[in-house]
């Protein structure tokens, strides 16, 4: 599959040897009802990331994490190689854009106004 199959709602923000960062709809996370700080991102990293972005430990395994915000993530999955991690990230991106990720469950404090705005850009369309 690879990054060429990446859902068009996601942008490849950064690609280095040991890390890839994908960003969801940066065109709508502009500081209004969808704050830029809440931009969903998928990190593909060699070596498990620390809790906060920027804390990377290099290792043999690859990890995929969907961050809803810097302190809100949907868990991390481990993969044996870069290609498998990229394929998993592309599938995760598809699932998020299709509305198959229940992001509400990841928040300890409900943010109903934000969720309504996010619901408008995530999920199936009538096209």
N, C-alpha and C. Protein backbone atom coordinates (compact mmCIF):
# COMPACT_ATOMS: atom_id res chain seq x y z
N UNK A 1 0.85 -1.18 0.00
CA UNK A 1 0.00 0.00 0.00
C UNK A 1 0.89 1.24 0.00
N UNK A 2 1.56 1.54 1.08
CA UNK A 2 2.50 2.66 1.14
C UNK A 2 1.84 4.02 1.21
N UNK A 3 2.65 5.05 1.34
CA UNK A 3 2.16 6.42 1.49
C UNK A 3 1.47 6.95 0.24
N UNK A 4 1.70 6.34 -0.92
CA UNK A 4 1.01 6.77 -2.13
C UNK A 4 -0.49 6.53 -2.03
N UNK A 5 -0.91 5.63 -1.15
CA UNK A 5 -2.33 5.32 -0.96
C UNK A 5 -2.97 6.16 0.15
N UNK A 6 -2.23 7.14 0.65
CA UNK A 6 -2.73 7.96 1.75
C UNK A 6 -3.99 8.71 1.35
N UNK A 7 -4.98 8.66 2.23
CA UNK A 7 -6.24 9.36 2.04
C UNK A 7 -5.96 10.85 1.79
N UNK A 8 -6.63 11.47 0.82
CA UNK A 8 -6.34 12.88 0.49
C UNK A 8 -6.66 13.86 1.62
N UNK A 9 -7.43 13.46 2.62
CA UNK A 9 -7.70 14.34 3.76
C UNK A 9 -6.48 14.49 4.65
N UNK A 10 -5.50 13.62 4.48
CA UNK A 10 -4.28 13.64 5.28
C UNK A 10 -3.12 14.16 4.45
N UNK A 11 -2.26 14.96 5.08
CA UNK A 11 -1.06 15.47 4.41
C UNK A 11 0.17 14.88 5.07
N UNK A 12 1.16 14.60 4.25
CA UNK A 12 2.46 14.16 4.76
C UNK A 12 3.20 15.43 5.17
N UNK A 13 3.29 15.66 6.47
CA UNK A 13 3.93 16.88 6.98
C UNK A 13 5.43 16.75 7.10
N UNK A 14 5.88 15.56 7.40
CA UNK A 14 7.31 15.37 7.62
C UNK A 14 7.64 13.92 7.33
N UNK A 15 8.77 13.70 6.69
CA UNK A 15 9.24 12.34 6.48
C UNK A 15 10.75 12.33 6.62
N UNK A 16 11.20 11.63 7.64
CA UNK A 16 12.63 11.45 7.90
C UNK A 16 12.89 9.96 7.94
N UNK A 17 14.13 9.61 8.12
CA UNK A 17 14.50 8.20 8.15
C UNK A 17 13.77 7.44 9.25
N UNK A 18 13.66 8.03 10.43
CA UNK A 18 13.05 7.33 11.56
C UNK A 18 11.71 7.86 12.00
N UNK A 19 11.11 8.76 11.20
CA UNK A 19 9.83 9.33 11.62
C UNK A 19 9.05 9.89 10.43
N UNK A 20 7.76 9.64 10.45
CA UNK A 20 6.84 10.21 9.47
C UNK A 20 5.70 10.85 10.27
N UNK A 21 5.30 12.05 9.87
CA UNK A 21 4.19 12.74 10.53
C UNK A 21 3.13 13.04 9.49
N UNK A 22 1.90 12.58 9.75
CA UNK A 22 0.77 12.83 8.88
C UNK A 22 -0.20 13.75 9.61
N UNK A 23 -0.76 14.74 8.93
CA UNK A 23 -1.67 15.71 9.55
C UNK A 23 -3.03 15.66 8.85
N UNK A 24 -4.10 15.72 9.65
CA UNK A 24 -5.45 15.64 9.14
C UNK A 24 -6.05 17.02 8.87
N UNK A 25 -6.41 17.28 7.65
CA UNK A 25 -7.13 18.48 7.24
C UNK A 25 -6.59 19.76 7.86
N UNK A 26 -5.31 20.06 7.69
CA UNK A 26 -4.78 21.31 8.25
C UNK A 26 -5.47 22.55 7.71
N UNK A 27 -6.17 22.41 6.59
CA UNK A 27 -6.90 23.54 6.02
C UNK A 27 -8.08 23.98 6.88
N UNK A 28 -8.64 23.09 7.72
CA UNK A 28 -9.79 23.45 8.55
C UNK A 28 -9.42 23.66 10.02
N UNK A 29 -8.25 23.22 10.42
CA UNK A 29 -7.79 23.45 11.80
C UNK A 29 -7.04 24.78 11.82
N UNK A 30 -7.82 25.86 11.81
CA UNK A 30 -7.27 27.19 11.60
C UNK A 30 -7.46 28.13 12.78
N UNK A 31 -7.90 27.62 13.90
CA UNK A 31 -8.05 28.48 15.06
C UNK A 31 -9.48 28.88 15.36
N UNK A 32 -10.42 28.53 14.49
CA UNK A 32 -11.83 28.83 14.75
C UNK A 32 -12.42 27.76 15.65
N UNK A 33 -13.48 27.11 15.18
CA UNK A 33 -14.10 26.05 15.97
C UNK A 33 -13.23 24.80 16.02
N UNK A 34 -12.24 24.72 15.13
CA UNK A 34 -11.26 23.63 15.13
C UNK A 34 -9.87 24.25 15.34
N UNK A 35 -9.45 24.38 16.60
CA UNK A 35 -8.17 25.04 16.90
C UNK A 35 -6.97 24.30 16.30
N UNK A 36 -5.98 25.04 15.87
CA UNK A 36 -4.77 24.46 15.29
C UNK A 36 -4.09 23.49 16.26
N UNK A 37 -4.18 23.77 17.55
CA UNK A 37 -3.55 22.89 18.55
C UNK A 37 -4.22 21.52 18.61
N UNK A 38 -5.42 21.41 18.06
CA UNK A 38 -6.16 20.14 18.08
C UNK A 38 -5.99 19.33 16.80
N UNK A 39 -5.09 19.74 15.93
CA UNK A 39 -4.87 19.06 14.66
C UNK A 39 -4.54 17.59 14.88
N UNK A 40 -5.39 16.66 14.40
CA UNK A 40 -5.06 15.24 14.53
C UNK A 40 -3.82 14.91 13.71
N UNK A 41 -2.93 14.14 14.30
CA UNK A 41 -1.70 13.72 13.62
C UNK A 41 -1.47 12.24 13.85
N UNK A 42 -0.85 11.62 12.88
CA UNK A 42 -0.41 10.23 13.02
C UNK A 42 1.11 10.25 12.93
N UNK A 43 1.74 9.69 13.94
CA UNK A 43 3.19 9.55 13.96
C UNK A 43 3.56 8.11 13.67
N UNK A 44 4.49 7.91 12.74
CA UNK A 44 5.10 6.62 12.48
C UNK A 44 6.55 6.80 12.89
N UNK A 45 6.96 6.10 13.93
CA UNK A 45 8.31 6.32 14.47
C UNK A 45 9.06 5.01 14.65
N UNK A 46 10.35 5.10 14.46
CA UNK A 46 11.22 3.98 14.79
C UNK A 46 11.64 4.18 16.23
N UNK A 47 11.21 3.28 17.08
CA UNK A 47 11.41 3.45 18.51
C UNK A 47 10.20 4.15 19.08
N UNK A 48 9.76 3.71 20.22
CA UNK A 48 8.53 4.25 20.82
C UNK A 48 8.72 5.70 21.23
N UNK A 49 7.73 6.51 20.90
CA UNK A 49 7.74 7.93 21.26
C UNK A 49 7.44 8.08 22.73
N UNK A 50 7.93 9.19 23.28
CA UNK A 50 7.56 9.55 24.63
C UNK A 50 6.13 10.04 24.63
N UNK A 51 5.63 10.40 25.78
CA UNK A 51 4.24 10.87 25.88
C UNK A 51 4.01 12.15 25.08
N UNK A 52 4.99 13.01 25.03
CA UNK A 52 4.83 14.27 24.32
C UNK A 52 5.63 14.24 23.02
N UNK A 53 5.12 14.94 21.99
CA UNK A 53 5.89 15.02 20.75
C UNK A 53 7.29 15.55 21.01
N UNK A 54 8.24 14.96 20.31
CA UNK A 54 9.63 15.38 20.45
C UNK A 54 10.46 14.40 21.28
N UNK A 55 9.82 13.56 22.07
CA UNK A 55 10.55 12.61 22.91
C UNK A 55 10.65 11.26 22.23
N UNK A 56 11.62 11.09 21.37
CA UNK A 56 11.74 9.88 20.57
C UNK A 56 12.92 9.04 21.05
N UNK A 57 12.71 7.72 21.16
CA UNK A 57 13.80 6.79 21.46
C UNK A 57 13.96 5.87 20.27
N UNK A 58 15.15 5.79 19.73
CA UNK A 58 15.40 4.95 18.56
C UNK A 58 15.50 3.50 19.00
N UNK A 59 14.90 2.61 18.22
CA UNK A 59 14.94 1.17 18.47
C UNK A 59 14.72 0.44 17.17
N UNK A 60 14.50 -0.86 17.26
CA UNK A 60 14.31 -1.67 16.06
C UNK A 60 12.86 -1.69 15.60
N UNK A 61 11.93 -1.61 16.53
CA UNK A 61 10.51 -1.67 16.20
C UNK A 61 10.00 -0.33 15.70
N UNK A 62 8.89 -0.39 14.98
CA UNK A 62 8.20 0.79 14.48
C UNK A 62 6.87 0.92 15.19
N UNK A 63 6.46 2.16 15.46
CA UNK A 63 5.24 2.41 16.21
C UNK A 63 4.36 3.41 15.46
N UNK A 64 3.06 3.22 15.57
CA UNK A 64 2.08 4.11 14.95
C UNK A 64 1.15 4.62 16.04
N UNK A 65 1.02 5.95 16.12
CA UNK A 65 0.18 6.58 17.13
C UNK A 65 -0.66 7.67 16.48
N UNK A 66 -1.95 7.66 16.78
CA UNK A 66 -2.85 8.75 16.37
C UNK A 66 -3.01 9.68 17.56
N UNK A 67 -2.57 10.93 17.38
CA UNK A 67 -2.75 11.96 18.40
C UNK A 67 -3.93 12.84 17.98
N UNK A 68 -4.89 13.00 18.88
CA UNK A 68 -6.00 13.92 18.63
C UNK A 68 -5.60 15.33 19.00
N UNK A 69 -4.71 15.43 19.96
CA UNK A 69 -4.07 16.66 20.44
C UNK A 69 -2.75 16.21 21.04
N UNK A 70 -1.84 17.10 21.35
CA UNK A 70 -0.55 16.65 21.89
C UNK A 70 -0.66 15.76 23.13
N UNK A 71 -1.66 15.97 23.98
CA UNK A 71 -1.80 15.15 25.18
C UNK A 71 -2.92 14.14 25.10
N UNK A 72 -3.52 13.96 23.93
CA UNK A 72 -4.63 13.02 23.77
C UNK A 72 -4.30 12.09 22.61
N UNK A 73 -4.05 10.81 22.93
CA UNK A 73 -3.76 9.87 21.86
C UNK A 73 -4.71 8.68 21.92
N UNK A 74 -4.77 7.97 20.82
CA UNK A 74 -5.65 6.81 20.70
C UNK A 74 -4.88 5.50 20.84
N UNK A 75 -3.76 5.54 21.52
CA UNK A 75 -2.96 4.34 21.71
C UNK A 75 -1.88 4.20 20.65
N UNK A 76 -0.98 3.29 20.89
CA UNK A 76 0.16 3.05 20.01
C UNK A 76 0.23 1.57 19.67
N UNK A 77 0.45 1.27 18.40
CA UNK A 77 0.63 -0.10 17.95
C UNK A 77 2.05 -0.29 17.45
N UNK A 78 2.61 -1.48 17.67
CA UNK A 78 3.99 -1.80 17.30
C UNK A 78 4.01 -2.65 16.04
N UNK A 79 5.03 -2.41 15.20
CA UNK A 79 5.20 -3.17 13.97
C UNK A 79 6.67 -3.55 13.81
N UNK A 80 6.92 -4.64 13.11
CA UNK A 80 8.28 -5.15 12.95
C UNK A 80 9.12 -4.37 11.97
N UNK A 81 8.48 -3.71 11.01
CA UNK A 81 9.27 -2.98 10.02
C UNK A 81 8.53 -1.73 9.55
N UNK A 82 9.26 -0.89 8.85
CA UNK A 82 8.76 0.41 8.40
C UNK A 82 7.57 0.26 7.46
N UNK A 83 7.65 -0.67 6.51
CA UNK A 83 6.58 -0.84 5.53
C UNK A 83 5.27 -1.24 6.21
N UNK A 84 5.33 -2.15 7.16
CA UNK A 84 4.12 -2.56 7.87
C UNK A 84 3.54 -1.40 8.68
N UNK A 85 4.40 -0.60 9.28
CA UNK A 85 3.94 0.56 10.06
C UNK A 85 3.29 1.60 9.14
N UNK A 86 3.87 1.83 7.98
CA UNK A 86 3.29 2.79 7.04
C UNK A 86 1.92 2.30 6.57
N UNK A 87 1.82 1.03 6.22
CA UNK A 87 0.53 0.49 5.79
C UNK A 87 -0.51 0.63 6.90
N UNK A 88 -0.11 0.39 8.14
CA UNK A 88 -1.03 0.54 9.27
C UNK A 88 -1.45 1.99 9.45
N UNK A 89 -0.52 2.92 9.27
CA UNK A 89 -0.83 4.35 9.39
C UNK A 89 -1.81 4.78 8.31
N UNK A 90 -1.64 4.29 7.09
CA UNK A 90 -2.54 4.62 5.99
C UNK A 90 -3.94 4.07 6.29
N UNK A 91 -4.02 2.86 6.81
CA UNK A 91 -5.32 2.28 7.19
C UNK A 91 -5.96 3.06 8.32
N UNK A 92 -5.15 3.46 9.30
CA UNK A 92 -5.65 4.26 10.42
C UNK A 92 -6.18 5.61 9.91
N UNK A 93 -5.47 6.22 8.98
CA UNK A 93 -5.91 7.49 8.40
C UNK A 93 -7.26 7.31 7.70
N UNK A 94 -7.42 6.22 6.96
CA UNK A 94 -8.69 5.94 6.31
C UNK A 94 -9.81 5.78 7.33
N UNK A 95 -9.53 5.02 8.39
CA UNK A 95 -10.52 4.79 9.44
C UNK A 95 -10.94 6.09 10.11
N UNK A 96 -9.97 6.95 10.39
CA UNK A 96 -10.29 8.23 11.04
C UNK A 96 -11.17 9.08 10.12
N UNK A 97 -10.77 9.23 8.88
CA UNK A 97 -11.52 10.08 7.96
C UNK A 97 -12.92 9.53 7.69
N UNK A 98 -13.09 8.23 7.74
CA UNK A 98 -14.39 7.61 7.50
C UNK A 98 -15.29 7.65 8.74
N UNK A 99 -14.75 8.13 9.87
CA UNK A 99 -15.56 8.21 11.08
C UNK A 99 -15.59 6.92 11.88
N UNK A 100 -14.65 6.00 11.61
CA UNK A 100 -14.63 4.73 12.32
C UNK A 100 -13.80 4.77 13.61
N UNK A 101 -13.25 5.93 13.96
CA UNK A 101 -12.51 6.10 15.21
C UNK A 101 -13.40 6.92 16.14
N UNK A 102 -13.72 6.38 17.31
CA UNK A 102 -14.56 7.10 18.26
C UNK A 102 -13.68 7.98 19.14
N UNK A 103 -13.40 9.18 18.65
CA UNK A 103 -12.48 10.08 19.36
C UNK A 103 -13.06 10.59 20.67
N UNK A 104 -14.34 10.58 20.85
CA UNK A 104 -14.94 11.06 22.10
C UNK A 104 -14.46 10.26 23.31
N UNK A 105 -14.27 8.97 23.12
CA UNK A 105 -13.84 8.09 24.22
C UNK A 105 -12.45 8.42 24.74
N UNK A 106 -11.65 9.12 23.96
CA UNK A 106 -10.27 9.41 24.35
C UNK A 106 -10.15 10.64 25.25
N UNK A 107 -11.20 11.41 25.37
CA UNK A 107 -11.17 12.64 26.16
C UNK A 107 -11.74 12.39 27.55
N UNK A 108 -11.03 12.85 28.59
CA UNK A 108 -11.53 12.73 29.95
C UNK A 108 -12.58 13.79 30.24
N UNK A 109 -12.46 14.94 29.61
CA UNK A 109 -13.42 16.03 29.79
C UNK A 109 -14.14 16.24 28.46
N UNK A 110 -15.45 16.01 28.42
CA UNK A 110 -16.19 16.19 27.16
C UNK A 110 -16.06 17.62 26.63
N UNK A 111 -15.95 17.73 25.33
CA UNK A 111 -15.85 19.03 24.66
C UNK A 111 -16.88 19.03 23.54
N UNK A 112 -18.15 19.12 23.90
CA UNK A 112 -19.23 18.93 22.94
C UNK A 112 -19.19 19.90 21.75
N UNK A 113 -18.88 21.17 21.99
CA UNK A 113 -18.80 22.12 20.88
C UNK A 113 -17.72 21.72 19.89
N UNK A 114 -16.58 21.32 20.39
CA UNK A 114 -15.48 20.89 19.54
C UNK A 114 -15.86 19.60 18.79
N UNK A 115 -16.49 18.66 19.50
CA UNK A 115 -16.89 17.41 18.86
C UNK A 115 -17.87 17.65 17.72
N UNK A 116 -18.82 18.56 17.90
CA UNK A 116 -19.77 18.88 16.83
C UNK A 116 -19.03 19.44 15.61
N UNK A 117 -18.08 20.32 15.83
CA UNK A 117 -17.30 20.89 14.72
C UNK A 117 -16.47 19.81 14.03
N UNK A 118 -15.87 18.92 14.81
CA UNK A 118 -15.07 17.83 14.24
C UNK A 118 -15.95 16.86 13.47
N UNK A 119 -17.14 16.58 14.00
CA UNK A 119 -18.08 15.70 13.30
C UNK A 119 -18.42 16.21 11.90
N UNK A 120 -18.38 17.52 11.72
CA UNK A 120 -18.71 18.10 10.42
C UNK A 120 -17.66 17.82 9.36
N UNK A 121 -16.42 17.56 9.77
CA UNK A 121 -15.36 17.30 8.79
C UNK A 121 -14.93 15.84 8.74
N UNK A 122 -15.31 15.05 9.76
CA UNK A 122 -14.93 13.63 9.81
C UNK A 122 -16.15 12.78 9.51
N UNK A 123 -15.92 11.71 8.80
CA UNK A 123 -16.99 10.76 8.58
C UNK A 123 -17.47 10.73 7.14
N UNK A 124 -18.37 9.80 6.88
CA UNK A 124 -18.86 9.64 5.51
C UNK A 124 -19.55 10.90 5.00
N UNK A 125 -19.39 11.14 3.72
CA UNK A 125 -20.08 12.27 3.10
C UNK A 125 -21.19 11.73 2.20
N UNK A 126 -22.08 12.58 1.80
CA UNK A 126 -23.20 12.16 0.95
C UNK A 126 -22.87 12.27 -0.54
N UNK A 127 -21.61 12.49 -0.86
CA UNK A 127 -21.21 12.66 -2.27
C UNK A 127 -21.33 11.38 -3.03
